[in-house]
N, C-alpha and C. Protein backbone atom coordinates (compact mmCIF):
# COMPACT_ATOMS: atom_id res chain seq x y z
N MET A 1 -24.01 0.61 -12.26
CA MET A 1 -22.57 0.60 -12.41
C MET A 1 -21.96 1.58 -11.40
N SER A 2 -20.92 1.15 -10.73
CA SER A 2 -20.29 1.99 -9.71
C SER A 2 -19.13 2.78 -10.29
N HIS A 3 -18.60 3.67 -9.47
CA HIS A 3 -17.42 4.42 -9.90
C HIS A 3 -16.17 3.53 -9.96
N TRP A 4 -16.28 2.32 -9.45
CA TRP A 4 -15.17 1.37 -9.48
C TRP A 4 -15.06 0.65 -10.82
N THR A 5 -16.05 0.76 -11.67
CA THR A 5 -16.09 0.00 -12.92
C THR A 5 -14.83 0.20 -13.75
N SER A 6 -14.38 1.43 -13.90
CA SER A 6 -13.17 1.67 -14.70
C SER A 6 -11.94 1.05 -14.05
N TYR A 7 -11.88 1.04 -12.73
CA TYR A 7 -10.76 0.40 -12.03
C TYR A 7 -10.78 -1.11 -12.28
N TYR A 8 -11.94 -1.72 -12.16
CA TYR A 8 -12.04 -3.16 -12.40
C TYR A 8 -11.64 -3.50 -13.83
N THR A 9 -12.05 -2.70 -14.77
CA THR A 9 -11.69 -2.92 -16.17
C THR A 9 -10.19 -2.80 -16.36
N ALA A 10 -9.58 -1.80 -15.75
CA ALA A 10 -8.15 -1.57 -15.91
C ALA A 10 -7.30 -2.64 -15.24
N THR A 11 -7.79 -3.24 -14.18
CA THR A 11 -6.97 -4.19 -13.42
C THR A 11 -7.36 -5.65 -13.62
N ALA A 12 -8.41 -5.91 -14.39
CA ALA A 12 -8.91 -7.28 -14.54
C ALA A 12 -7.87 -8.25 -15.09
N ALA A 13 -7.04 -7.81 -15.99
CA ALA A 13 -6.05 -8.70 -16.59
C ALA A 13 -4.74 -8.73 -15.80
N GLY A 14 -4.66 -7.92 -14.77
CA GLY A 14 -3.43 -7.86 -13.98
C GLY A 14 -3.25 -9.08 -13.11
N GLY A 15 -2.03 -9.37 -12.81
CA GLY A 15 -1.72 -10.50 -11.96
C GLY A 15 -1.86 -10.13 -10.50
N PRO A 16 -1.50 -11.05 -9.64
CA PRO A 16 -1.60 -10.79 -8.20
C PRO A 16 -0.63 -9.70 -7.76
N ARG A 17 -0.94 -9.11 -6.65
CA ARG A 17 -0.07 -8.06 -6.10
C ARG A 17 1.24 -8.66 -5.62
N ASP A 18 2.28 -7.87 -5.72
CA ASP A 18 3.62 -8.32 -5.29
C ASP A 18 3.63 -8.71 -3.82
N THR A 19 2.87 -8.00 -3.00
CA THR A 19 2.86 -8.33 -1.57
C THR A 19 2.31 -9.73 -1.32
N LEU A 20 1.31 -10.14 -2.09
CA LEU A 20 0.80 -11.50 -1.95
C LEU A 20 1.85 -12.51 -2.38
N LEU A 21 2.50 -12.27 -3.51
CA LEU A 21 3.52 -13.20 -3.99
C LEU A 21 4.67 -13.32 -2.99
N GLN A 22 5.05 -12.22 -2.37
CA GLN A 22 6.11 -12.26 -1.35
C GLN A 22 5.67 -13.08 -0.15
N ALA A 23 4.42 -12.86 0.28
CA ALA A 23 3.91 -13.61 1.43
C ALA A 23 3.85 -15.10 1.12
N LEU A 24 3.37 -15.46 -0.07
CA LEU A 24 3.28 -16.87 -0.43
C LEU A 24 4.66 -17.52 -0.55
N SER A 25 5.63 -16.77 -1.03
CA SER A 25 6.98 -17.34 -1.15
C SER A 25 7.62 -17.58 0.21
N SER A 26 7.15 -16.88 1.21
CA SER A 26 7.68 -17.05 2.58
C SER A 26 6.89 -18.08 3.38
N TRP A 27 5.75 -18.49 2.86
CA TRP A 27 4.87 -19.41 3.57
C TRP A 27 5.39 -20.83 3.43
N SER A 28 5.67 -21.49 4.56
CA SER A 28 6.23 -22.84 4.49
C SER A 28 5.24 -23.92 4.95
N SER A 29 4.10 -23.53 5.43
CA SER A 29 3.08 -24.49 5.87
C SER A 29 2.13 -24.80 4.72
N PRO A 30 1.31 -25.84 4.90
CA PRO A 30 0.32 -26.12 3.86
C PRO A 30 -0.68 -24.97 3.75
N PRO A 31 -1.34 -24.85 2.60
CA PRO A 31 -2.36 -23.81 2.46
C PRO A 31 -3.45 -23.98 3.51
N GLY A 32 -4.05 -22.88 3.88
CA GLY A 32 -5.11 -22.89 4.88
C GLY A 32 -6.26 -22.02 4.43
N LEU A 33 -6.74 -21.20 5.35
CA LEU A 33 -7.85 -20.30 5.08
C LEU A 33 -7.31 -18.89 4.94
N ALA A 34 -7.70 -18.21 3.88
CA ALA A 34 -7.27 -16.83 3.63
C ALA A 34 -8.49 -15.93 3.57
N LEU A 35 -8.30 -14.70 4.00
CA LEU A 35 -9.33 -13.67 3.94
C LEU A 35 -8.85 -12.58 3.00
N ASP A 36 -9.59 -12.35 1.93
CA ASP A 36 -9.24 -11.30 0.97
C ASP A 36 -10.26 -10.18 1.10
N LEU A 37 -9.91 -9.18 1.92
CA LEU A 37 -10.79 -8.03 2.14
C LEU A 37 -10.62 -7.03 1.00
N GLY A 38 -11.71 -6.57 0.45
CA GLY A 38 -11.62 -5.67 -0.71
C GLY A 38 -11.07 -6.42 -1.90
N CYS A 39 -11.61 -7.61 -2.15
CA CYS A 39 -11.06 -8.51 -3.16
C CYS A 39 -11.17 -7.99 -4.59
N GLY A 40 -12.04 -7.02 -4.83
CA GLY A 40 -12.21 -6.56 -6.20
C GLY A 40 -12.64 -7.71 -7.08
N THR A 41 -12.07 -7.80 -8.26
CA THR A 41 -12.44 -8.87 -9.19
C THR A 41 -11.64 -10.15 -8.97
N GLY A 42 -10.83 -10.18 -7.93
CA GLY A 42 -10.22 -11.44 -7.52
C GLY A 42 -8.80 -11.72 -7.95
N ARG A 43 -8.04 -10.72 -8.29
CA ARG A 43 -6.69 -10.99 -8.79
C ARG A 43 -5.83 -11.74 -7.77
N ASP A 44 -6.01 -11.49 -6.49
CA ASP A 44 -5.28 -12.24 -5.46
C ASP A 44 -6.03 -13.52 -5.07
N THR A 45 -7.33 -13.43 -5.00
CA THR A 45 -8.15 -14.59 -4.64
C THR A 45 -7.89 -15.76 -5.58
N LEU A 46 -7.83 -15.50 -6.87
CA LEU A 46 -7.64 -16.57 -7.85
C LEU A 46 -6.32 -17.30 -7.64
N VAL A 47 -5.26 -16.57 -7.35
CA VAL A 47 -3.96 -17.19 -7.13
C VAL A 47 -4.00 -18.06 -5.87
N LEU A 48 -4.63 -17.55 -4.83
CA LEU A 48 -4.75 -18.34 -3.60
C LEU A 48 -5.52 -19.63 -3.85
N LEU A 49 -6.63 -19.54 -4.57
CA LEU A 49 -7.41 -20.74 -4.88
C LEU A 49 -6.60 -21.74 -5.69
N GLU A 50 -5.86 -21.26 -6.67
CA GLU A 50 -5.04 -22.13 -7.50
C GLU A 50 -3.99 -22.86 -6.68
N GLN A 51 -3.56 -22.24 -5.58
CA GLN A 51 -2.52 -22.86 -4.74
C GLN A 51 -3.11 -23.68 -3.60
N GLY A 52 -4.41 -23.90 -3.63
CA GLY A 52 -5.03 -24.80 -2.67
C GLY A 52 -5.60 -24.15 -1.42
N TRP A 53 -5.62 -22.85 -1.37
CA TRP A 53 -6.17 -22.15 -0.21
C TRP A 53 -7.69 -22.14 -0.29
N GLN A 54 -8.34 -22.11 0.86
CA GLN A 54 -9.75 -21.79 0.95
C GLN A 54 -9.80 -20.28 1.18
N VAL A 55 -10.61 -19.58 0.41
CA VAL A 55 -10.59 -18.12 0.46
C VAL A 55 -11.99 -17.57 0.73
N LEU A 56 -12.06 -16.69 1.72
CA LEU A 56 -13.25 -15.90 1.95
C LEU A 56 -12.95 -14.54 1.33
N ALA A 57 -13.59 -14.25 0.21
CA ALA A 57 -13.34 -13.02 -0.54
C ALA A 57 -14.52 -12.07 -0.32
N LEU A 58 -14.21 -10.88 0.19
CA LEU A 58 -15.24 -9.89 0.51
C LEU A 58 -14.97 -8.58 -0.20
N ASP A 59 -16.05 -7.96 -0.65
CA ASP A 59 -15.94 -6.64 -1.25
C ASP A 59 -17.28 -5.94 -1.06
N ALA A 60 -17.25 -4.63 -0.86
CA ALA A 60 -18.48 -3.85 -0.68
C ALA A 60 -19.24 -3.67 -1.98
N GLU A 61 -18.57 -3.88 -3.10
CA GLU A 61 -19.19 -3.65 -4.41
C GLU A 61 -19.73 -4.95 -4.99
N PRO A 62 -21.04 -5.06 -5.13
CA PRO A 62 -21.62 -6.27 -5.74
C PRO A 62 -21.07 -6.55 -7.14
N GLU A 63 -20.75 -5.49 -7.88
CA GLU A 63 -20.18 -5.65 -9.22
C GLU A 63 -18.87 -6.44 -9.19
N ALA A 64 -18.05 -6.17 -8.20
CA ALA A 64 -16.77 -6.87 -8.07
C ALA A 64 -17.00 -8.34 -7.78
N LEU A 65 -17.90 -8.63 -6.87
CA LEU A 65 -18.16 -10.02 -6.52
C LEU A 65 -18.77 -10.78 -7.69
N SER A 66 -19.61 -10.12 -8.47
CA SER A 66 -20.17 -10.77 -9.67
C SER A 66 -19.07 -11.12 -10.66
N ALA A 67 -18.13 -10.20 -10.84
CA ALA A 67 -17.01 -10.46 -11.76
C ALA A 67 -16.16 -11.61 -11.25
N LEU A 68 -15.94 -11.67 -9.95
CA LEU A 68 -15.16 -12.77 -9.38
C LEU A 68 -15.89 -14.10 -9.57
N ARG A 69 -17.18 -14.11 -9.35
CA ARG A 69 -17.96 -15.35 -9.56
C ARG A 69 -17.86 -15.82 -11.01
N GLU A 70 -17.87 -14.89 -11.94
CA GLU A 70 -17.75 -15.26 -13.36
C GLU A 70 -16.38 -15.86 -13.68
N ARG A 71 -15.38 -15.45 -12.94
CA ARG A 71 -14.01 -15.95 -13.18
C ARG A 71 -13.75 -17.27 -12.48
N THR A 72 -14.63 -17.70 -11.57
CA THR A 72 -14.40 -18.92 -10.80
C THR A 72 -15.60 -19.87 -10.81
N PRO A 73 -16.27 -20.06 -11.91
CA PRO A 73 -17.49 -20.89 -11.88
C PRO A 73 -17.23 -22.33 -11.44
N ALA A 74 -16.12 -22.91 -11.81
CA ALA A 74 -15.84 -24.31 -11.45
C ALA A 74 -15.41 -24.45 -10.00
N LEU A 75 -15.02 -23.36 -9.38
CA LEU A 75 -14.51 -23.42 -8.03
C LEU A 75 -15.59 -23.18 -6.98
N LEU A 76 -16.75 -22.70 -7.39
CA LEU A 76 -17.79 -22.34 -6.41
C LEU A 76 -18.75 -23.46 -6.19
């Protein structure tokens, strides 16, 4: 378990970041490919996937990527 565990627990139920929502509201083209660096447990990645984006989600913490995989089993 990493020192990030408490952060992941605290933010797991949170929605996407406001900056992502602002960017998506300004986007007028069809969804494309997105890169989510430091994706954590996927709060932004999940919204992008739901909106039809292809997402490359990266994080240095294997624990975060495992949590994201658990949240997206039908999408992988």
